[in-house]
C-alpha atoms as a PDB file:
ATOM      1  CA  MET A   1       7.069   1.520 -25.959  1.00  0.00           C
ATOM      2  CA  HIS A   2       4.186   2.247 -23.627  1.00  0.00           C
ATOM      3  CA  ALA A   3       3.079  -0.049 -20.852  1.00  0.00           C
ATOM      4  CA  ILE A   4       0.382  -2.632 -21.422  1.00  0.00           C
ATOM      5  CA  GLU A   5      -2.789  -1.577 -19.603  1.00  0.00           C
ATOM      6  CA  VAL A   6      -5.280  -4.267 -18.581  1.00  0.00           C
ATOM      7  CA  GLN A   7      -8.793  -3.664 -17.291  1.00  0.00           C
ATOM      8  CA  LEU A   8     -12.168  -5.334 -17.066  1.00  0.00           C
ATOM      9  CA  LEU A   9     -14.432  -3.997 -19.767  1.00  0.00           C
ATOM     10  CA  PRO A  10     -17.316  -2.012 -18.294  1.00  0.00           C
ATOM     11  CA  THR A  11     -20.516  -4.009 -18.771  1.00  0.00           C
ATOM     12  CA  THR A  12     -22.004  -1.120 -20.767  1.00  0.00           C
ATOM     13  CA  VAL A  13     -19.444  -1.740 -23.540  1.00  0.00           C
ATOM     14  CA  SER A  14     -21.467  -4.870 -24.379  1.00  0.00           C
ATOM     15  CA  THR A  15     -23.703  -2.639 -26.537  1.00  0.00           C
ATOM     16  CA  ASP A  16     -20.761  -1.153 -28.489  1.00  0.00           C
ATOM     17  CA  VAL A  17     -21.001  -3.215 -31.673  1.00  0.00           C
ATOM     18  CA  ALA A  18     -17.623  -2.050 -32.999  1.00  0.00           C
ATOM     19  CA  VAL A  19     -15.784  -3.164 -29.835  1.00  0.00           C
ATOM     20  CA  MET A  20     -17.667  -6.475 -29.696  1.00  0.00           C
ATOM     21  CA  GLU A  21     -16.865  -7.126 -33.383  1.00  0.00           C
ATOM     22  CA  HIS A  22     -13.204  -6.219 -32.816  1.00  0.00           C
ATOM     23  CA  LEU A  23     -12.857  -8.590 -29.840  1.00  0.00           C
ATOM     24  CA  THR A  24     -14.741 -11.391 -31.609  1.00  0.00           C
ATOM     25  CA  GLY A  25     -12.531 -11.021 -34.669  1.00  0.00           C
ATOM     26  CA  LEU A  26      -9.384 -10.991 -32.530  1.00  0.00           C
ATOM     27  CA  VAL A  27     -10.343 -14.160 -30.641  1.00  0.00           C
ATOM     28  CA  ASN A  28     -11.446 -15.963 -33.790  1.00  0.00           C
ATOM     29  CA  ARG A  29      -8.239 -15.039 -35.694  1.00  0.00           C
ATOM     30  CA  VAL A  30      -5.984 -16.147 -32.836  1.00  0.00           C
ATOM     31  CA  TYR A  31      -7.848 -19.401 -32.246  1.00  0.00           C
ATOM     32  CA  ALA A  32      -8.012 -20.198 -35.982  1.00  0.00           C
ATOM     33  CA  VAL A  33      -4.218 -20.535 -35.846  1.00  0.00           C
ATOM     34  CA  ALA A  34      -3.854 -21.861 -32.275  1.00  0.00           C
ATOM     35  CA  GLU A  35      -6.436 -24.588 -32.883  1.00  0.00           C
ATOM     36  CA  GLU A  36      -5.912 -25.224 -36.598  1.00  0.00           C
ATOM     37  CA  GLY A  37      -6.978 -28.747 -37.474  1.00  0.00           C
ATOM     38  CA  LEU A  38      -8.981 -29.289 -34.286  1.00  0.00           C
ATOM     39  CA  TRP A  39     -12.327 -27.981 -35.534  1.00  0.00           C
ATOM     40  CA  ALA A  40     -14.524 -28.736 -38.513  1.00  0.00           C
ATOM     41  CA  ASP A  41     -14.261 -26.259 -41.379  1.00  0.00           C
ATOM     42  CA  GLY A  42     -16.140 -23.051 -40.694  1.00  0.00           C
ATOM     43  CA  ALA A  43     -16.264 -23.449 -36.891  1.00  0.00           C
ATOM     44  CA  THR A  44     -15.380 -20.281 -34.966  1.00  0.00           C
ATOM     45  CA  ARG A  45     -14.366 -19.826 -31.335  1.00  0.00           C
ATOM     46  CA  THR A  46     -16.927 -17.159 -30.455  1.00  0.00           C
ATOM     47  CA  THR A  47     -19.641 -14.875 -31.772  1.00  0.00           C
ATOM     48  CA  VAL A  48     -20.455 -11.195 -31.310  1.00  0.00           C
ATOM     49  CA  GLY A  49     -23.497 -12.227 -29.265  1.00  0.00           C
ATOM     50  CA  GLU A  50     -21.466 -14.442 -26.938  1.00  0.00           C
ATOM     51  CA  MET A  51     -18.805 -11.735 -26.516  1.00  0.00           C
ATOM     52  CA  ALA A  52     -21.521  -9.207 -25.638  1.00  0.00           C
ATOM     53  CA  ASP A  53     -23.051 -11.641 -23.125  1.00  0.00           C
ATOM     54  CA  LEU A  54     -19.666 -12.275 -21.471  1.00  0.00           C
ATOM     55  CA  THR A  55     -18.929  -8.541 -21.363  1.00  0.00           C
ATOM     56  CA  ARG A  56     -22.368  -7.845 -19.857  1.00  0.00           C
ATOM     57  CA  ALA A  57     -21.559 -10.497 -17.207  1.00  0.00           C
ATOM     58  CA  GLY A  58     -18.339  -8.649 -16.330  1.00  0.00           C
ATOM     59  CA  GLU A  59     -16.119 -11.523 -17.503  1.00  0.00           C
ATOM     60  CA  ILE A  60     -14.037  -9.888 -20.263  1.00  0.00           C
ATOM     61  CA  ALA A  61     -10.799  -8.011 -19.615  1.00  0.00           C
ATOM     62  CA  VAL A  62      -8.809  -6.314 -22.355  1.00  0.00           C
ATOM     63  CA  ALA A  63      -5.191  -5.339 -22.806  1.00  0.00           C
ATOM     64  CA  ARG A  64      -4.431  -2.012 -24.447  1.00  0.00           C
ATOM     65  CA  LEU A  65      -1.193  -0.791 -25.931  1.00  0.00           C
ATOM     66  CA  ASN A  66      -1.097   2.890 -26.922  1.00  0.00           C
ATOM     67  CA  GLY A  67      -4.877   2.966 -26.389  1.00  0.00           C
ATOM     68  CA  GLN A  68      -5.523   0.153 -28.886  1.00  0.00           C
ATOM     69  CA  ILE A  69      -7.094  -3.163 -27.761  1.00  0.00           C
ATOM     70  CA  VAL A  70      -4.417  -5.798 -28.418  1.00  0.00           C
ATOM     71  CA  GLY A  71      -5.658  -8.702 -26.303  1.00  0.00           C
ATOM     72  CA  CYS A  72      -8.407 -10.109 -24.154  1.00  0.00           C
ATOM     73  CA  VAL A  73      -9.208 -12.813 -21.629  1.00  0.00           C
ATOM     74  CA  ARG A  74     -12.348 -14.223 -20.046  1.00  0.00           C
ATOM     75  CA  ILE A  75     -12.309 -14.458 -16.246  1.00  0.00           C
ATOM     76  CA  GLN A  76     -15.023 -16.379 -14.436  1.00  0.00           C
ATOM     77  CA  ARG A  77     -15.880 -17.795 -11.033  1.00  0.00           C
ATOM     78  CA  LEU A  78     -16.227 -21.567 -10.783  1.00  0.00           C
ATOM     79  CA  ASP A  79     -17.620 -23.619  -7.918  1.00  0.00           C
ATOM     80  CA  GLY A  80     -15.280 -24.777  -5.157  1.00  0.00           C
ATOM     81  CA  GLY A  81     -13.294 -21.577  -4.631  1.00  0.00           C
ATOM     82  CA  LYS A  82     -11.796 -21.543  -8.103  1.00  0.00           C
ATOM     83  CA  GLY A  83     -11.498 -18.940 -10.789  1.00  0.00           C
ATOM     84  CA  GLU A  84     -10.875 -19.722 -14.415  1.00  0.00           C
ATOM     85  CA  PHE A  85      -9.430 -17.865 -17.316  1.00  0.00           C
ATOM     86  CA  GLY A  86     -10.024 -18.703 -20.938  1.00  0.00           C
ATOM     87  CA  MET A  87     -10.427 -17.184 -24.377  1.00  0.00           C
ATOM     88  CA  LEU A  88      -6.918 -15.729 -23.936  1.00  0.00           C
ATOM     89  CA  ALA A  89      -5.905 -13.894 -27.099  1.00  0.00           C
ATOM     90  CA  ALA A  90      -3.079 -11.514 -28.001  1.00  0.00           C
ATOM     91  CA  ALA A  91      -3.071  -9.724 -31.343  1.00  0.00           C
ATOM     92  CA  PRO A  92      -0.685 -11.525 -33.720  1.00  0.00           C
ATOM     93  CA  GLY A  93       1.084  -8.262 -34.596  1.00  0.00           C
ATOM     94  CA  HIS A  94       1.915  -7.680 -30.911  1.00  0.00           C
ATOM     95  CA  ARG A  95       3.158 -11.122 -29.833  1.00  0.00           C
ATOM     96  CA  GLY A  96       6.189 -11.428 -27.616  1.00  0.00           C
ATOM     97  CA  VAL A  97       5.734  -8.136 -25.768  1.00  0.00           C
ATOM     98  CA  GLY A  98       4.001  -9.609 -22.695  1.00  0.00           C
ATOM     99  CA  ILE A  99       0.321  -9.159 -23.521  1.00  0.00           C
ATOM    100  CA  GLY A 100      -0.591 -12.744 -22.605  1.00  0.00           C
ATOM    101  CA  ARG A 101       1.485 -12.590 -19.434  1.00  0.00           C
ATOM    102  CA  GLU A 102      -0.204  -9.342 -18.338  1.00  0.00           C
ATOM    103  CA  LEU A 103      -3.685 -10.682 -19.087  1.00  0.00           C
ATOM    104  CA  VAL A 104      -3.017 -13.851 -17.060  1.00  0.00           C
ATOM    105  CA  ARG A 105      -1.504 -11.818 -14.197  1.00  0.00           C
ATOM    106  CA  PHE A 106      -4.584  -9.569 -14.185  1.00  0.00           C
ATOM    107  CA  ALA A 107      -6.942 -12.584 -14.185  1.00  0.00           C
ATOM    108  CA  GLU A 108      -5.039 -14.155 -11.281  1.00  0.00           C
ATOM    109  CA  GLN A 109      -5.130 -10.909  -9.294  1.00  0.00           C
ATOM    110  CA  LYS A 110      -8.869 -10.455  -9.882  1.00  0.00           C
ATOM    111  CA  CYS A 111      -9.554 -13.995  -8.672  1.00  0.00           C
ATOM    112  CA  LEU A 112      -7.452 -13.477  -5.544  1.00  0.00           C
ATOM    113  CA  GLU A 113      -9.313 -10.220  -4.825  1.00  0.00           C
ATOM    114  CA  HIS A 114     -12.574 -12.187  -5.013  1.00  0.00           C
ATOM    115  CA  GLY A 115     -11.380 -14.887  -2.596  1.00  0.00           C
ATOM    116  CA  LEU A 116     -10.633 -17.497  -5.262  1.00  0.00           C
ATOM    117  CA  PRO A 117      -7.209 -18.967  -4.400  1.00  0.00           C
ATOM    118  CA  ILE A 118      -7.119 -21.547  -7.216  1.00  0.00           C
ATOM    119  CA  MET A 119      -6.964 -20.573 -10.882  1.00  0.00           C
ATOM    120  CA  GLN A 120      -8.019 -23.085 -13.511  1.00  0.00           C
ATOM    121  CA  LEU A 121      -7.545 -23.206 -17.251  1.00  0.00           C
ATOM    122  CA  GLU A 122      -8.540 -25.785 -19.841  1.00  0.00           C
ATOM    123  CA  LEU A 123      -6.327 -26.546 -22.804  1.00  0.00           C
ATOM    124  CA  LEU A 124      -7.959 -28.321 -25.735  1.00  0.00           C
ATOM    125  CA  VAL A 125      -5.511 -30.829 -27.230  1.00  0.00           C
ATOM    126  CA  PRO A 126      -5.818 -33.381 -30.014  1.00  0.00           C
ATOM    127  CA  ARG A 127      -6.028 -36.910 -28.657  1.00  0.00           C
ATOM    128  CA  ASN A 128      -3.976 -38.711 -31.321  1.00  0.00           C
ATOM    129  CA  TRP A 129      -1.419 -36.191 -32.546  1.00  0.00           C
ATOM    130  CA  SER A 130       0.692 -33.288 -31.335  1.00  0.00           C
ATOM    131  CA  HIS A 131      -0.240 -29.677 -32.130  1.00  0.00           C
ATOM    132  CA  PRO A 132       2.655 -27.129 -32.123  1.00  0.00           C
ATOM    133  CA  SER A 133       0.572 -24.286 -30.637  1.00  0.00           C
ATOM    134  CA  LYS A 134      -0.766 -26.553 -27.896  1.00  0.00           C
ATOM    135  CA  GLN A 135       2.751 -27.812 -27.081  1.00  0.00           C
ATOM    136  CA  PHE A 136       3.939 -24.207 -26.816  1.00  0.00           C
ATOM    137  CA  LEU A 137       1.036 -23.255 -24.532  1.00  0.00           C
ATOM    138  CA  ALA A 138       1.489 -26.343 -22.314  1.00  0.00           C
ATOM    139  CA  GLY A 139       5.125 -25.360 -21.779  1.00  0.00           C
ATOM    140  CA  TRP A 140       4.282 -21.714 -21.160  1.00  0.00           C
ATOM    141  CA  TYR A 141       1.517 -22.490 -18.647  1.00  0.00           C
ATOM    142  CA  THR A 142       3.857 -24.859 -16.793  1.00  0.00           C
ATOM    143  CA  ARG A 143       6.588 -22.186 -16.666  1.00  0.00           C
ATOM    144  CA  ILE A 144       4.189 -19.686 -15.080  1.00  0.00           C
ATOM    145  CA  GLY A 145       3.156 -22.127 -12.353  1.00  0.00           C
ATOM    146  CA  TYR A 146       0.240 -24.159 -13.717  1.00  0.00           C
ATOM    147  CA  ARG A 147       0.085 -27.919 -13.106  1.00  0.00           C
ATOM    148  CA  ILE A 148      -2.060 -30.560 -14.787  1.00  0.00           C
ATOM    149  CA  VAL A 149      -4.735 -31.862 -12.437  1.00  0.00           C
ATOM    150  CA  ARG A 150      -6.673 -34.041 -14.870  1.00  0.00           C
ATOM    151  CA  ARG A 151      -7.679 -34.790 -18.428  1.00  0.00           C
ATOM    152  CA  GLY A 152     -11.258 -34.829 -19.592  1.00  0.00           C
ATOM    153  CA  THR A 153     -13.187 -35.156 -22.798  1.00  0.00           C
ATOM    154  CA  ILE A 154     -14.898 -32.274 -24.530  1.00  0.00           C
ATOM    155  CA  ASP A 155     -18.186 -34.192 -24.183  1.00  0.00           C
ATOM    156  CA  GLU A 156     -18.131 -33.918 -20.383  1.00  0.00           C
ATOM    157  CA  SER A 157     -17.173 -30.238 -20.207  1.00  0.00           C
ATOM    158  CA  HIS A 158     -18.729 -28.747 -23.331  1.00  0.00           C
ATOM    159  CA  PRO A 159     -20.999 -31.298 -25.042  1.00  0.00           C
ATOM    160  CA  HIS A 160     -22.412 -28.664 -27.421  1.00  0.00           C
ATOM    161  CA  LEU A 161     -18.912 -28.219 -28.929  1.00  0.00           C
ATOM    162  CA  ALA A 162     -18.168 -31.904 -29.532  1.00  0.00           C
ATOM    163  CA  PRO A 163     -19.996 -32.082 -32.896  1.00  0.00           C
ATOM    164  CA  LEU A 164     -17.876 -29.151 -34.162  1.00  0.00           C
ATOM    165  CA  LEU A 165     -14.572 -30.983 -33.689  1.00  0.00           C
ATOM    166  CA  GLY A 166     -12.652 -32.101 -36.734  1.00  0.00           C
ATOM    167  CA  THR A 167     -10.502 -34.545 -34.751  1.00  0.00           C
ATOM    168  CA  PRO A 168     -10.865 -36.306 -31.368  1.00  0.00           C
ATOM    169  CA  CYS A 169      -9.744 -33.953 -28.583  1.00  0.00           C
ATOM    170  CA  ASP A 170      -9.362 -33.887 -24.826  1.00  0.00           C
ATOM    171  CA  PHE A 171      -9.256 -31.061 -22.323  1.00  0.00           C
ATOM    172  CA  VAL A 172      -6.191 -30.879 -20.119  1.00  0.00           C
ATOM    173  CA  ILE A 173      -7.182 -29.073 -16.921  1.00  0.00           C
ATOM    174  CA  TYR A 174      -4.508 -27.044 -15.162  1.00  0.00           C
ATOM    175  CA  HIS A 175      -4.592 -25.435 -11.725  1.00  0.00           C
ATOM    176  CA  LYS A 176      -2.387 -22.872 -10.040  1.00  0.00           C
ATOM    177  CA  ASP A 177      -2.410 -22.102  -6.309  1.00  0.00           C
ATOM    178  CA  LEU A 178      -2.505 -18.303  -6.317  1.00  0.00           C
ATOM    179  CA  GLU A 179      -1.579 -18.091  -2.626  1.00  0.00           C
ATOM    180  CA  ALA A 180       1.607 -20.171  -2.966  1.00  0.00           C
END
């Protein structure tokens, strides 16, 4: 097996409709399973337009295996010396080979290179029940060094998404000290 290669997408790729459609489809397929039951029917995680905007902003990195895009992550700068990763997705047919781990490692390294010593992530969790994918992710993030710093509601972080929820949810905010 070849090594997983991770790189920021060049901003010019934002105009490549086939790549934007591929990434949008990948994220939406992964999140449809990872967040099943959290959203109203028909809600999707992202759109081709949003993916193009994020790529144009230099915030999308992809993982390739044998030249094929098999994962992606959004990396952004937050206020207060923090970076954040989100929209983490690994192709279902390539799970368990380290794609997620390599994407997170890349995001952490990019943030450190830009003087951002704290990495943040937000995990959407149902308020009144336990979701297997979210339990798995909470354990995985903890194992790779992330710690819960607070809980918040979707209304405070992303009010435009609240009406799309199919069940009450909270965001669990994790931080990792990248210099530790």
